[in-house]
């Protein structure tokens, strides 16, 4: 299973937020696989060696930054490591925090640094 994992940035969370802001229909679990291959962005941009990957959608039009917002998270989403991702519970928690809309908050793009402050994140909780 670990071989099928893909390190991602904030792009899938931005996709969720973008769709919510546009009142898009919530996809069913059965639609997710097709959306992963054809719509859900995995990254802002791909590295050269990633262009042939199964999941290769990039953020493009789904960036909420283009709408004047920055997506922030109340609880941390990063793994803070890129090599050792073998702890499945750590991965589940990170993914849940990344994708759970209840963990999102938006900050106007011009104040984006505010959302990175621990004090502000605590206040948003």
PDB file of N, CA and C in Angstrom:
ATOM      1  N   UNK A   1       0.813  -1.195   0.000  1.00  0.00           N
ATOM      2  CA  UNK A   1       0.000   0.000   0.000  1.00  0.00           C
ATOM      3  C   UNK A   1       0.859   1.264   0.000  1.00  0.00           C
ATOM      4  N   UNK A   2       1.954   1.269   0.748  1.00  0.00           N
ATOM      5  CA  UNK A   2       2.798   2.459   0.854  1.00  0.00           C
ATOM      6  C   UNK A   2       3.271   2.911  -0.529  1.00  0.00           C
ATOM      7  N   UNK A   3       3.496   1.985  -1.457  1.00  0.00           N
ATOM      8  CA  UNK A   3       3.953   2.362  -2.794  1.00  0.00           C
ATOM      9  C   UNK A   3       2.906   3.162  -3.563  1.00  0.00           C
ATOM     10  N   UNK A   4       1.643   3.072  -3.160  1.00  0.00           N
ATOM     11  CA  UNK A   4       0.600   3.808  -3.875  1.00  0.00           C
ATOM     12  C   UNK A   4       0.356   5.191  -3.295  1.00  0.00           C
ATOM     13  N   UNK A   5       1.088   5.556  -2.245  1.00  0.00           N
ATOM     14  CA  UNK A   5       0.918   6.872  -1.639  1.00  0.00           C
ATOM     15  C   UNK A   5       1.608   7.944  -2.470  1.00  0.00           C
ATOM     16  N   UNK A   6       1.073   9.144  -2.403  1.00  0.00           N
ATOM     17  CA  UNK A   6       1.639  10.274  -3.134  1.00  0.00           C
ATOM     18  C   UNK A   6       1.742  11.458  -2.191  1.00  0.00           C
ATOM     19  N   UNK A   7       2.925  11.988  -2.056  1.00  0.00           N
ATOM     20  CA  UNK A   7       3.105  13.195  -1.248  1.00  0.00           C
ATOM     21  C   UNK A   7       2.412  14.339  -1.974  1.00  0.00           C
ATOM     22  N   UNK A   8       1.678  15.125  -1.231  1.00  0.00           N
ATOM     23  CA  UNK A   8       0.916  16.218  -1.824  1.00  0.00           C
ATOM     24  C   UNK A   8       1.170  17.510  -1.069  1.00  0.00           C
ATOM     25  N   UNK A   9       0.780  18.603  -1.677  1.00  0.00           N
ATOM     26  CA  UNK A   9       0.809  19.880  -0.973  1.00  0.00           C
ATOM     27  C   UNK A   9      -0.626  20.243  -0.606  1.00  0.00           C
ATOM     28  N   UNK A  10      -0.929  21.493  -0.453  1.00  0.00           N
ATOM     29  CA  UNK A  10      -2.245  21.959  -0.037  1.00  0.00           C
ATOM     30  C   UNK A  10      -3.284  21.923  -1.173  1.00  0.00           C
ATOM     31  N   UNK A  11      -2.884  21.500  -2.346  1.00  0.00           N
ATOM     32  CA  UNK A  11      -3.762  21.564  -3.521  1.00  0.00           C
ATOM     33  C   UNK A  11      -5.075  20.800  -3.389  1.00  0.00           C
ATOM     34  N   UNK A  12      -5.086  19.548  -2.891  1.00  0.00           N
ATOM     35  CA  UNK A  12      -6.388  18.868  -2.768  1.00  0.00           C
ATOM     36  C   UNK A  12      -7.335  19.607  -1.810  1.00  0.00           C
ATOM     37  N   UNK A  13      -6.792  20.166  -0.732  1.00  0.00           N
ATOM     38  CA  UNK A  13      -7.621  20.925   0.204  1.00  0.00           C
ATOM     39  C   UNK A  13      -8.161  22.188  -0.472  1.00  0.00           C
ATOM     40  N   UNK A  14      -7.337  22.833  -1.295  1.00  0.00           N
ATOM     41  CA  UNK A  14      -7.813  24.004  -2.027  1.00  0.00           C
ATOM     42  C   UNK A  14      -8.935  23.621  -2.992  1.00  0.00           C
ATOM     43  N   UNK A  15      -8.823  22.443  -3.599  1.00  0.00           N
ATOM     44  CA  UNK A  15      -9.865  21.960  -4.510  1.00  0.00           C
ATOM     45  C   UNK A  15     -11.191  21.832  -3.762  1.00  0.00           C
ATOM     46  N   UNK A  16     -11.156  21.220  -2.571  1.00  0.00           N
ATOM     47  CA  UNK A  16     -12.364  21.065  -1.755  1.00  0.00           C
ATOM     48  C   UNK A  16     -12.961  22.436  -1.441  1.00  0.00           C
ATOM     49  N   UNK A  17     -12.114  23.352  -1.004  1.00  0.00           N
ATOM     50  CA  UNK A  17     -12.574  24.689  -0.640  1.00  0.00           C
ATOM     51  C   UNK A  17     -13.124  25.438  -1.857  1.00  0.00           C
ATOM     52  N   UNK A  18     -12.449  25.334  -2.980  1.00  0.00           N
ATOM     53  CA  UNK A  18     -12.888  25.981  -4.216  1.00  0.00           C
ATOM     54  C   UNK A  18     -14.286  25.498  -4.603  1.00  0.00           C
ATOM     55  N   UNK A  19     -14.469  24.178  -4.544  1.00  0.00           N
ATOM     56  CA  UNK A  19     -15.784  23.623  -4.897  1.00  0.00           C
ATOM     57  C   UNK A  19     -16.852  24.081  -3.923  1.00  0.00           C
ATOM     58  N   UNK A  20     -16.521  24.162  -2.643  1.00  0.00           N
ATOM     59  CA  UNK A  20     -17.491  24.632  -1.647  1.00  0.00           C
ATOM     60  C   UNK A  20     -17.855  26.099  -1.893  1.00  0.00           C
ATOM     61  N   UNK A  21     -16.854  26.920  -2.181  1.00  0.00           N
ATOM     62  CA  UNK A  21     -17.108  28.339  -2.437  1.00  0.00           C
ATOM     63  C   UNK A  21     -17.972  28.553  -3.683  1.00  0.00           C
ATOM     64  N   UNK A  22     -17.918  27.602  -4.602  1.00  0.00           N
ATOM     65  CA  UNK A  22     -18.698  27.695  -5.836  1.00  0.00           C
ATOM     66  C   UNK A  22     -19.990  26.886  -5.772  1.00  0.00           C
ATOM     67  N   UNK A  23     -20.340  26.432  -4.581  1.00  0.00           N
ATOM     68  CA  UNK A  23     -21.559  25.640  -4.384  1.00  0.00           C
ATOM     69  C   UNK A  23     -21.639  24.432  -5.315  1.00  0.00           C
ATOM     70  N   UNK A  24     -20.484  23.825  -5.614  1.00  0.00           N
ATOM     71  CA  UNK A  24     -20.462  22.627  -6.451  1.00  0.00           C
ATOM     72  C   UNK A  24     -21.052  21.439  -5.699  1.00  0.00           C
ATOM     73  N   UNK A  25     -21.563  20.495  -6.442  1.00  0.00           N
ATOM     74  CA  UNK A  25     -22.126  19.282  -5.865  1.00  0.00           C
ATOM     75  C   UNK A  25     -21.006  18.488  -5.195  1.00  0.00           C
ATOM     76  N   UNK A  26     -21.291  17.969  -4.012  1.00  0.00           N
ATOM     77  CA  UNK A  26     -20.321  17.149  -3.302  1.00  0.00           C
ATOM     78  C   UNK A  26     -20.242  15.795  -3.996  1.00  0.00           C
ATOM     79  N   UNK A  27     -19.036  15.370  -4.397  1.00  0.00           N
ATOM     80  CA  UNK A  27     -18.927  14.084  -5.085  1.00  0.00           C
ATOM     81  C   UNK A  27     -19.178  12.922  -4.132  1.00  0.00           C
ATOM     82  N   UNK A  28     -19.682  11.841  -4.683  1.00  0.00           N
ATOM     83  CA  UNK A  28     -19.867  10.624  -3.900  1.00  0.00           C
ATOM     84  C   UNK A  28     -18.525   9.912  -3.793  1.00  0.00           C
ATOM     85  N   UNK A  29     -18.449   8.977  -2.872  1.00  0.00           N
ATOM     86  CA  UNK A  29     -17.222   8.197  -2.714  1.00  0.00           C
ATOM     87  C   UNK A  29     -16.904   7.425  -3.991  1.00  0.00           C
ATOM     88  N   UNK A  30     -17.933   7.016  -4.716  1.00  0.00           N
ATOM     89  CA  UNK A  30     -17.723   6.284  -5.968  1.00  0.00           C
ATOM     90  C   UNK A  30     -17.130   7.169  -7.063  1.00  0.00           C
ATOM     91  N   UNK A  31     -17.338   8.457  -6.985  1.00  0.00           N
ATOM     92  CA  UNK A  31     -16.819   9.381  -7.996  1.00  0.00           C
ATOM     93  C   UNK A  31     -15.379   9.819  -7.725  1.00  0.00           C
ATOM     94  N   UNK A  32     -14.915   9.610  -6.505  1.00  0.00           N
ATOM     95  CA  UNK A  32     -13.597  10.111  -6.118  1.00  0.00           C
ATOM     96  C   UNK A  32     -12.468   9.536  -6.975  1.00  0.00           C
ATOM     97  N   UNK A  33     -12.467   8.245  -7.262  1.00  0.00           N
ATOM     98  CA  UNK A  33     -11.376   7.651  -8.045  1.00  0.00           C
ATOM     99  C   UNK A  33     -11.236   8.332  -9.403  1.00  0.00           C
ATOM    100  N   UNK A  34     -12.351   8.517 -10.103  1.00  0.00           N
ATOM    101  CA  UNK A  34     -12.299   9.196 -11.393  1.00  0.00           C
ATOM    102  C   UNK A  34     -11.822  10.639 -11.218  1.00  0.00           C
ATOM    103  N   UNK A  35     -12.302  11.309 -10.184  1.00  0.00           N
ATOM    104  CA  UNK A  35     -11.891  12.687  -9.941  1.00  0.00           C
ATOM    105  C   UNK A  35     -10.405  12.789  -9.611  1.00  0.00           C
ATOM    106  N   UNK A  36      -9.873  11.782  -8.906  1.00  0.00           N
ATOM    107  CA  UNK A  36      -8.435  11.772  -8.607  1.00  0.00           C
ATOM    108  C   UNK A  36      -7.602  11.720  -9.890  1.00  0.00           C
ATOM    109  N   UNK A  37      -8.072  10.961 -10.839  1.00  0.00           N
ATOM    110  CA  UNK A  37      -7.327  10.824 -12.090  1.00  0.00           C
ATOM    111  C   UNK A  37      -7.562  11.985 -13.048  1.00  0.00           C
ATOM    112  N   UNK A  38      -8.696  12.685 -12.907  1.00  0.00           N
ATOM    113  CA  UNK A  38      -9.059  13.671 -13.921  1.00  0.00           C
ATOM    114  C   UNK A  38      -9.297  15.092 -13.433  1.00  0.00           C
ATOM    115  N   UNK A  39      -9.380  15.304 -12.128  1.00  0.00           N
ATOM    116  CA  UNK A  39      -9.697  16.655 -11.662  1.00  0.00           C
ATOM    117  C   UNK A  39      -8.977  17.070 -10.389  1.00  0.00           C
ATOM    118  N   UNK A  40      -9.007  16.253  -9.355  1.00  0.00           N
ATOM    119  CA  UNK A  40      -8.455  16.659  -8.059  1.00  0.00           C
ATOM    120  C   UNK A  40      -6.953  16.900  -8.198  1.00  0.00           C
ATOM    121  N   UNK A  41      -6.502  18.106  -7.873  1.00  0.00           N
ATOM    122  CA  UNK A  41      -5.066  18.400  -8.005  1.00  0.00           C
ATOM    123  C   UNK A  41      -4.268  17.764  -6.875  1.00  0.00           C
ATOM    124  N   UNK A  42      -3.114  17.264  -7.215  1.00  0.00           N
ATOM    125  CA  UNK A  42      -2.224  16.650  -6.243  1.00  0.00           C
ATOM    126  C   UNK A  42      -1.131  17.625  -5.815  1.00  0.00           C
ATOM    127  N   UNK A  43      -0.884  18.652  -6.659  1.00  0.00           N
ATOM    128  CA  UNK A  43       0.183  19.609  -6.370  1.00  0.00           C
ATOM    129  C   UNK A  43      -0.023  20.896  -7.168  1.00  0.00           C
ATOM    130  N   UNK A  44       0.658  21.928  -6.738  1.00  0.00           N
ATOM    131  CA  UNK A  44       0.629  23.185  -7.489  1.00  0.00           C
ATOM    132  C   UNK A  44       1.331  22.982  -8.824  1.00  0.00           C
ATOM    133  N   UNK A  45       2.437  22.256  -8.792  1.00  0.00           N
ATOM    134  CA  UNK A  45       3.191  21.929 -10.005  1.00  0.00           C
ATOM    135  C   UNK A  45       3.856  20.576  -9.787  1.00  0.00           C
ATOM    136  N   UNK A  46       4.160  19.887 -10.877  1.00  0.00           N
ATOM    137  CA  UNK A  46       4.821  18.595 -10.788  1.00  0.00           C
ATOM    138  C   UNK A  46       6.291  18.729 -11.120  1.00  0.00           C
ATOM    139  N   UNK A  47       7.094  17.906 -10.460  1.00  0.00           N
ATOM    140  CA  UNK A  47       8.513  17.837 -10.796  1.00  0.00           C
ATOM    141  C   UNK A  47       8.649  17.024 -12.080  1.00  0.00           C
ATOM    142  N   UNK A  48       9.762  17.131 -12.712  1.00  0.00           N
ATOM    143  CA  UNK A  48       9.984  16.457 -13.990  1.00  0.00           C
ATOM    144  C   UNK A  48       9.685  14.962 -13.920  1.00  0.00           C
ATOM    145  N   UNK A  49      10.128  14.274 -12.886  1.00  0.00           N
ATOM    146  CA  UNK A  49       9.937  12.833 -12.772  1.00  0.00           C
ATOM    147  C   UNK A  49       8.520  12.419 -12.409  1.00  0.00           C
ATOM    148  N   UNK A  50       7.645  13.374 -12.108  1.00  0.00           N
ATOM    149  CA  UNK A  50       6.284  13.064 -11.692  1.00  0.00           C
ATOM    150  C   UNK A  50       5.269  13.209 -12.818  1.00  0.00           C
ATOM    151  N   UNK A  51       5.673  13.651 -13.966  1.00  0.00           N
ATOM    152  CA  UNK A  51       4.731  13.947 -15.041  1.00  0.00           C
ATOM    153  C   UNK A  51       4.061  12.711 -15.636  1.00  0.00           C
ATOM    154  N   UNK A  52       4.630  11.524 -15.395  1.00  0.00           N
ATOM    155  CA  UNK A  52       4.025  10.291 -15.885  1.00  0.00           C
ATOM    156  C   UNK A  52       3.269   9.549 -14.791  1.00  0.00           C
ATOM    157  N   UNK A  53       3.094  10.179 -13.646  1.00  0.00           N
ATOM    158  CA  UNK A  53       2.409   9.550 -12.517  1.00  0.00           C
ATOM    159  C   UNK A  53       0.930   9.345 -12.815  1.00  0.00           C
ATOM    160  N   UNK A  54       0.319   8.415 -12.125  1.00  0.00           N
ATOM    161  CA  UNK A  54      -1.112   8.148 -12.304  1.00  0.00           C
ATOM    162  C   UNK A  54      -1.935   9.378 -11.921  1.00  0.00           C
ATOM    163  N   UNK A  55      -1.596   9.995 -10.803  1.00  0.00           N
ATOM    164  CA  UNK A  55      -2.296  11.194 -10.346  1.00  0.00           C
ATOM    165  C   UNK A  55      -1.415  12.383 -10.660  1.00  0.00           C
ATOM    166  N   UNK A  56      -1.814  13.160 -11.647  1.00  0.00           N
ATOM    167  CA  UNK A  56      -0.937  14.232 -12.108  1.00  0.00           C
ATOM    168  C   UNK A  56      -1.651  15.564 -12.326  1.00  0.00           C
ATOM    169  N   UNK A  57      -2.844  15.696 -11.787  1.00  0.00           N
ATOM    170  CA  UNK A  57      -3.551  16.965 -11.940  1.00  0.00           C
ATOM    171  C   UNK A  57      -2.873  18.030 -11.082  1.00  0.00           C
ATOM    172  N   UNK A  58      -2.806  19.241 -11.605  1.00  0.00           N
ATOM    173  CA  UNK A  58      -2.228  20.351 -10.850  1.00  0.00           C
ATOM    174  C   UNK A  58      -3.319  21.373 -10.533  1.00  0.00           C
ATOM    175  N   UNK A  59      -3.036  22.263  -9.627  1.00  0.00           N
ATOM    176  CA  UNK A  59      -4.027  23.154  -9.043  1.00  0.00           C
ATOM    177  C   UNK A  59      -4.755  24.031 -10.051  1.00  0.00           C
ATOM    178  N   UNK A  60      -4.069  24.632 -10.969  1.00  0.00           N
ATOM    179  CA  UNK A  60      -4.635  25.486 -12.027  1.00  0.00           C
ATOM    180  C   UNK A  60      -5.797  26.339 -11.541  1.00  0.00           C
ATOM    181  N   UNK A  61      -6.955  26.136 -12.116  1.00  0.00           N
ATOM    182  CA  UNK A  61      -8.113  26.997 -11.863  1.00  0.00           C
ATOM    183  C   UNK A  61      -8.701  26.837 -10.465  1.00  0.00           C
ATOM    184  N   UNK A  62      -8.314  25.801  -9.730  1.00  0.00           N
ATOM    185  CA  UNK A  62      -8.906  25.552  -8.417  1.00  0.00           C
ATOM    186  C   UNK A  62      -8.230  26.329  -7.288  1.00  0.00           C
ATOM    187  N   UNK A  63      -7.276  27.160  -7.621  1.00  0.00           N
ATOM    188  CA  UNK A  63      -6.586  27.946  -6.595  1.00  0.00           C
ATOM    189  C   UNK A  63      -7.519  29.003  -6.021  1.00  0.00           C
ATOM    190  N   UNK A  64      -7.720  28.954  -4.712  1.00  0.00           N
ATOM    191  CA  UNK A  64      -8.545  29.987  -4.090  1.00  0.00           C
ATOM    192  C   UNK A  64      -7.755  31.282  -3.934  1.00  0.00           C
ATOM    193  N   UNK A  65      -6.432  31.205  -4.119  1.00  0.00           N
ATOM    194  CA  UNK A  65      -5.619  32.424  -4.091  1.00  0.00           C
ATOM    195  C   UNK A  65      -6.059  33.377  -5.192  1.00  0.00           C
ATOM    196  N   UNK A  66      -6.491  32.822  -6.333  1.00  0.00           N
ATOM    197  CA  UNK A  66      -6.962  33.657  -7.438  1.00  0.00           C
ATOM    198  C   UNK A  66      -8.257  34.374  -7.076  1.00  0.00           C
ATOM    199  N   UNK A  67      -8.952  33.869  -6.060  1.00  0.00           N
ATOM    200  CA  UNK A  67     -10.184  34.500  -5.591  1.00  0.00           C
ATOM    201  C   UNK A  67      -9.907  35.455  -4.426  1.00  0.00           C
ATOM    202  N   UNK A  68      -8.602  35.620  -4.083  1.00  0.00           N
ATOM    203  CA  UNK A  68      -8.227  36.555  -3.032  1.00  0.00           C
ATOM    204  C   UNK A  68      -8.122  35.962  -1.640  1.00  0.00           C
ATOM    205  N   UNK A  69      -8.071  34.636  -1.531  1.00  0.00           N
ATOM    206  CA  UNK A  69      -8.024  33.968  -0.236  1.00  0.00           C
ATOM    207  C   UNK A  69      -6.803  33.070  -0.104  1.00  0.00           C
ATOM    208  N   UNK A  70      -6.431  32.819   1.145  1.00  0.00           N
ATOM    209  CA  UNK A  70      -5.415  31.822   1.469  1.00  0.00           C
ATOM    210  C   UNK A  70      -6.069  30.788   2.379  1.00  0.00           C
ATOM    211  N   UNK A  71      -5.886  29.521   2.059  1.00  0.00           N
ATOM    212  CA  UNK A  71      -6.434  28.432   2.861  1.00  0.00           C
ATOM    213  C   UNK A  71      -5.453  28.101   3.977  1.00  0.00           C
ATOM    214  N   UNK A  72      -5.944  28.117   5.203  1.00  0.00           N
ATOM    215  CA  UNK A  72      -5.132  27.773   6.362  1.00  0.00           C
ATOM    216  C   UNK A  72      -5.805  26.623   7.100  1.00  0.00           C
ATOM    217  N   UNK A  73      -5.061  26.011   7.999  1.00  0.00           N
ATOM    218  CA  UNK A  73      -5.581  24.893   8.784  1.00  0.00           C
ATOM    219  C   UNK A  73      -5.458  25.199  10.269  1.00  0.00           C
ATOM    220  N   UNK A  74      -6.481  24.834  11.024  1.00  0.00           N
ATOM    221  CA  UNK A  74      -6.472  25.024  12.474  1.00  0.00           C
ATOM    222  C   UNK A  74      -5.475  24.077  13.132  1.00  0.00           C
ATOM    223  N   UNK A  75      -5.498  22.821  12.703  1.00  0.00           N
ATOM    224  CA  UNK A  75      -4.571  21.805  13.215  1.00  0.00           C
ATOM    225  C   UNK A  75      -3.552  21.489  12.144  1.00  0.00           C
ATOM    226  N   UNK A  76      -2.316  21.202  12.531  1.00  0.00           N
ATOM    227  CA  UNK A  76      -1.248  20.974  11.552  1.00  0.00           C
ATOM    228  C   UNK A  76      -1.569  19.849  10.575  1.00  0.00           C
ATOM    229  N   UNK A  77      -1.129  20.019   9.334  1.00  0.00           N
ATOM    230  CA  UNK A  77      -1.366  19.011   8.303  1.00  0.00           C
ATOM    231  C   UNK A  77      -0.082  18.377   7.803  1.00  0.00           C
ATOM    232  N   UNK A  78       1.034  19.008   8.008  1.00  0.00           N
ATOM    233  CA  UNK A  78       2.298  18.527   7.463  1.00  0.00           C
ATOM    234  C   UNK A  78       2.860  17.344   8.218  1.00  0.00           C
ATOM    235  N   UNK A  79       3.565  16.496   7.494  1.00  0.00           N
ATOM    236  CA  UNK A  79       4.265  15.372   8.106  1.00  0.00           C
ATOM    237  C   UNK A  79       5.639  15.800   8.608  1.00  0.00           C
ATOM    238  N   UNK A  80       6.126  16.916   8.106  1.00  0.00           N
ATOM    239  CA  UNK A  80       7.446  17.447   8.447  1.00  0.00           C
ATOM    240  C   UNK A  80       8.577  16.494   8.086  1.00  0.00           C
ATOM    241  N   UNK A  81       8.324  15.629   7.143  1.00  0.00           N
ATOM    242  CA  UNK A  81       9.342  14.720   6.620  1.00  0.00           C
ATOM    243  C   UNK A  81       8.869  14.220   5.263  1.00  0.00           C
ATOM    244  N   UNK A  82       9.812  13.864   4.412  1.00  0.00           N
ATOM    245  CA  UNK A  82       9.431  13.409   3.080  1.00  0.00           C
ATOM    246  C   UNK A  82       9.843  11.964   2.823  1.00  0.00           C
ATOM    247  N   UNK A  83      10.665  11.409   3.657  1.00  0.00           N
ATOM    248  CA  UNK A  83      11.179  10.075   3.374  1.00  0.00           C
ATOM    249  C   UNK A  83      10.435   8.979   4.136  1.00  0.00           C
ATOM    250  N   UNK A  84      10.306   9.104   5.449  1.00  0.00           N
ATOM    251  CA  UNK A  84       9.729   8.037   6.255  1.00  0.00           C
ATOM    252  C   UNK A  84       8.235   8.283   6.452  1.00  0.00           C
ATOM    253  N   UNK A  85       7.430   7.712   5.591  1.00  0.00           N
ATOM    254  CA  UNK A  85       5.973   7.853   5.692  1.00  0.00           C
ATOM    255  C   UNK A  85       5.327   6.494   5.928  1.00  0.00           C
ATOM    256  N   UNK A  86       6.007   5.656   6.692  1.00  0.00           N
ATOM    257  CA  UNK A  86       5.520   4.294   6.889  1.00  0.00           C
ATOM    258  C   UNK A  86       4.562   4.157   8.066  1.00  0.00           C
ATOM    259  N   UNK A  87       4.382   5.185   8.864  1.00  0.00           N
ATOM    260  CA  UNK A  87       3.475   5.096  10.004  1.00  0.00           C
ATOM    261  C   UNK A  87       2.065   5.441   9.551  1.00  0.00           C
ATOM    262  N   UNK A  88       1.244   4.408   9.356  1.00  0.00           N
ATOM    263  CA  UNK A  88      -0.077   4.578   8.765  1.00  0.00           C
ATOM    264  C   UNK A  88      -0.979   5.474   9.604  1.00  0.00           C
ATOM    265  N   UNK A  89      -0.928   5.398  10.914  1.00  0.00           N
ATOM    266  CA  UNK A  89      -1.777   6.250  11.756  1.00  0.00           C
ATOM    267  C   UNK A  89      -1.392   7.717  11.607  1.00  0.00           C
ATOM    268  N   UNK A  90      -0.110   7.987  11.484  1.00  0.00           N
ATOM    269  CA  UNK A  90       0.365   9.356  11.272  1.00  0.00           C
ATOM    270  C   UNK A  90      -0.132   9.877   9.923  1.00  0.00           C
ATOM    271  N   UNK A  91      -0.112   9.020   8.911  1.00  0.00           N
ATOM    272  CA  UNK A  91      -0.605   9.401   7.586  1.00  0.00           C
ATOM    273  C   UNK A  91      -2.105   9.678   7.608  1.00  0.00           C
ATOM    274  N   UNK A  92      -2.860   8.822   8.283  1.00  0.00           N
ATOM    275  CA  UNK A  92      -4.310   9.014   8.369  1.00  0.00           C
ATOM    276  C   UNK A  92      -4.650  10.338   9.041  1.00  0.00           C
ATOM    277  N   UNK A  93      -3.971  10.644  10.134  1.00  0.00           N
ATOM    278  CA  UNK A  93      -4.230  11.893  10.853  1.00  0.00           C
ATOM    279  C   UNK A  93      -3.869  13.099   9.988  1.00  0.00           C
ATOM    280  N   UNK A  94      -2.734  13.030   9.329  1.00  0.00           N
ATOM    281  CA  UNK A  94      -2.309  14.129   8.464  1.00  0.00           C
ATOM    282  C   UNK A  94      -3.296  14.346   7.328  1.00  0.00           C
ATOM    283  N   UNK A  95      -3.724  13.257   6.682  1.00  0.00           N
ATOM    284  CA  UNK A  95      -4.674  13.363   5.573  1.00  0.00           C
ATOM    285  C   UNK A  95      -6.005  13.929   6.051  1.00  0.00           C
ATOM    286  N   UNK A  96      -6.484  13.437   7.183  1.00  0.00           N
ATOM    287  CA  UNK A  96      -7.745  13.931   7.726  1.00  0.00           C
ATOM    288  C   UNK A  96      -7.659  15.424   8.017  1.00  0.00           C
ATOM    289  N   UNK A  97      -6.571  15.862   8.644  1.00  0.00           N
ATOM    290  CA  UNK A  97      -6.401  17.286   8.935  1.00  0.00           C
ATOM    291  C   UNK A  97      -6.284  18.116   7.654  1.00  0.00           C
ATOM    292  N   UNK A  98      -5.651  17.565   6.629  1.00  0.00           N
ATOM    293  CA  UNK A  98      -5.502  18.276   5.361  1.00  0.00           C
ATOM    294  C   UNK A  98      -6.839  18.468   4.665  1.00  0.00           C
ATOM    295  N   UNK A  99      -7.676  17.441   4.638  1.00  0.00           N
ATOM    296  CA  UNK A  99      -8.869  17.440   3.803  1.00  0.00           C
ATOM    297  C   UNK A  99     -10.181  17.779   4.523  1.00  0.00           C
ATOM    298  N   UNK A 100     -10.189  17.789   5.821  1.00  0.00           N
ATOM    299  CA  UNK A 100     -11.423  18.004   6.579  1.00  0.00           C
ATOM    300  C   UNK A 100     -11.800  19.488   6.579  1.00  0.00           C
ATOM    301  N   UNK A 101     -12.900  19.854   5.949  1.00  0.00           N
ATOM    302  CA  UNK A 101     -13.303  21.268   5.911  1.00  0.00           C
ATOM    303  C   UNK A 101     -13.446  21.909   7.292  1.00  0.00           C
ATOM    304  N   UNK A 102     -13.769  21.125   8.306  1.00  0.00           N
ATOM    305  CA  UNK A 102     -13.871  21.686   9.658  1.00  0.00           C
ATOM    306  C   UNK A 102     -12.509  22.166  10.169  1.00  0.00           C
ATOM    307  N   UNK A 103     -11.449  21.737   9.511  1.00  0.00           N
ATOM    308  CA  UNK A 103     -10.100  22.169   9.886  1.00  0.00           C
ATOM    309  C   UNK A 103      -9.627  23.366   9.054  1.00  0.00           C
ATOM    310  N   UNK A 104     -10.432  23.811   8.101  1.00  0.00           N
ATOM    311  CA  UNK A 104     -10.063  24.941   7.230  1.00  0.00           C
ATOM    312  C   UNK A 104     -10.495  26.265   7.846  1.00  0.00           C
ATOM    313  N   UNK A 105      -9.752  27.292   7.517  1.00  0.00           N
ATOM    314  CA  UNK A 105     -10.242  28.657   7.650  1.00  0.00           C
ATOM    315  C   UNK A 105      -9.562  29.486   6.573  1.00  0.00           C
ATOM    316  N   UNK A 106     -10.238  30.523   6.148  1.00  0.00           N
ATOM    317  CA  UNK A 106      -9.718  31.374   5.081  1.00  0.00           C
ATOM    318  C   UNK A 106      -9.257  32.708   5.651  1.00  0.00           C
ATOM    319  N   UNK A 107      -8.180  33.197   5.079  1.00  0.00           N
ATOM    320  CA  UNK A 107      -7.636  34.497   5.432  1.00  0.00           C
ATOM    321  C   UNK A 107      -7.492  35.270   4.119  1.00  0.00           C
ATOM    322  N   UNK A 108      -7.853  36.549   4.106  1.00  0.00           N
ATOM    323  CA  UNK A 108      -7.606  37.319   2.877  1.00  0.00           C
ATOM    324  C   UNK A 108      -6.137  37.185   2.464  1.00  0.00           C
ATOM    325  N   UNK A 109      -5.915  37.007   1.189  1.00  0.00           N
ATOM    326  CA  UNK A 109      -4.573  36.752   0.656  1.00  0.00           C
ATOM    327  C   UNK A 109      -3.555  37.795   1.126  1.00  0.00           C
ATOM    328  N   UNK A 110      -3.984  39.048   1.215  1.00  0.00           N
ATOM    329  CA  UNK A 110      -3.036  40.100   1.620  1.00  0.00           C
ATOM    330  C   UNK A 110      -2.591  39.951   3.070  1.00  0.00           C
ATOM    331  N   UNK A 111      -3.301  39.147   3.872  1.00  0.00           N
ATOM    332  CA  UNK A 111      -2.936  38.885   5.265  1.00  0.00           C
ATOM    333  C   UNK A 111      -2.535  37.428   5.470  1.00  0.00           C
ATOM    334  N   UNK A 112      -2.091  36.759   4.428  1.00  0.00           N
ATOM    335  CA  UNK A 112      -1.884  35.310   4.477  1.00  0.00           C
ATOM    336  C   UNK A 112      -0.958  34.859   5.601  1.00  0.00           C
ATOM    337  N   UNK A 113       0.031  35.637   5.955  1.00  0.00           N
ATOM    338  CA  UNK A 113       0.953  35.248   7.024  1.00  0.00           C
ATOM    339  C   UNK A 113       0.273  35.106   8.365  1.00  0.00           C
ATOM    340  N   UNK A 114      -0.837  35.797   8.553  1.00  0.00           N
ATOM    341  CA  UNK A 114      -1.589  35.723   9.802  1.00  0.00           C
ATOM    342  C   UNK A 114      -2.034  34.294  10.098  1.00  0.00           C
ATOM    343  N   UNK A 115      -2.437  33.585   9.071  1.00  0.00           N
ATOM    344  CA  UNK A 115      -2.922  32.212   9.235  1.00  0.00           C
ATOM    345  C   UNK A 115      -1.853  31.222   9.641  1.00  0.00           C
ATOM    346  N   UNK A 116      -0.587  31.605   9.553  1.00  0.00           N
ATOM    347  CA  UNK A 116       0.513  30.723   9.940  1.00  0.00           C
ATOM    348  C   UNK A 116       0.905  30.883  11.403  1.00  0.00           C
ATOM    349  N   UNK A 117       0.383  31.907  12.063  1.00  0.00           N
ATOM    350  CA  UNK A 117       0.719  32.144  13.466  1.00  0.00           C
ATOM    351  C   UNK A 117      -0.042  31.180  14.375  1.00  0.00           C
ATOM    352  N   UNK A 118       0.686  30.504  15.270  1.00  0.00           N
ATOM    353  CA  UNK A 118       0.058  29.537  16.178  1.00  0.00           C
ATOM    354  C   UNK A 118      -1.045  30.198  17.011  1.00  0.00           C
ATOM    355  N   UNK A 119      -0.822  31.432  17.435  1.00  0.00           N
ATOM    356  CA  UNK A 119      -1.825  32.133  18.243  1.00  0.00           C
ATOM    357  C   UNK A 119      -3.120  32.330  17.459  1.00  0.00           C
ATOM    358  N   UNK A 120      -3.000  32.652  16.187  1.00  0.00           N
ATOM    359  CA  UNK A 120      -4.177  32.849  15.351  1.00  0.00           C
ATOM    360  C   UNK A 120      -4.873  31.515  15.094  1.00  0.00           C
ATOM    361  N   UNK A 121      -4.098  30.471  14.845  1.00  0.00           N
ATOM    362  CA  UNK A 121      -4.669  29.144  14.631  1.00  0.00           C
ATOM    363  C   UNK A 121      -5.427  28.680  15.870  1.00  0.00           C
ATOM    364  N   UNK A 122      -4.863  28.930  17.045  1.00  0.00           N
ATOM    365  CA  UNK A 122      -5.531  28.566  18.294  1.00  0.00           C
ATOM    366  C   UNK A 122      -6.845  29.327  18.443  1.00  0.00           C
ATOM    367  N   UNK A 123      -6.845  30.594  18.087  1.00  0.00           N
ATOM    368  CA  UNK A 123      -8.060  31.398  18.175  1.00  0.00           C
ATOM    369  C   UNK A 123      -9.124  30.876  17.222  1.00  0.00           C
ATOM    370  N   UNK A 124      -8.719  30.404  16.048  1.00  0.00           N
ATOM    371  CA  UNK A 124      -9.671  29.894  15.062  1.00  0.00           C
ATOM    372  C   UNK A 124     -10.281  28.559  15.516  1.00  0.00           C
ATOM    373  N   UNK A 125      -9.581  27.824  16.385  1.00  0.00           N
ATOM    374  CA  UNK A 125     -10.136  26.558  16.878  1.00  0.00           C
ATOM    375  C   UNK A 125     -11.346  26.833  17.729  1.00  0.00           C
TER     376      UNK A 125
END
